[in-house]
């Protein structure tokens, strides 16, 4: 992040001045999700499969109007979510905008392909299944 430091105390100013340069997240699960998700679901009055279905249904709805590059990235995420009981490796997510992105650019996330073109979104997962994002939850 540019324009924000540990000394920034004004959230509104940080939103106006902060710019995303790049970010990355690697989720390397060794079985923790399979243990935690049922407990979290129970606390919410549902099941782990119910939460997964909600996530995959929401992701499938987001795919409408997205281009091939964006769909490939979403397929990686949907595949990882669908494999929650036994992931087939790490999910690696990255953001690297061509130009630094401001907080206001978040509003553009619903534009077709903005994830890739505006935010430089990338996602990789060894168990990626082509078409997983559009498919939604398994029937």
Foldseek 3Di string as FASTA:
>chain_A
DPQDDPPDDDPVVCLVRPWAAKDKDKDWDPQVLVVVQQVVQVVVVHGSVVVLLVVLVVLLVLCVQADPQVQQQSLQVLQQSQCSRPFPGMKMKMWHAPDTHGSVCVVVPSPHPCCCHGGVIHIDGPRRDRPSSNVGDDD
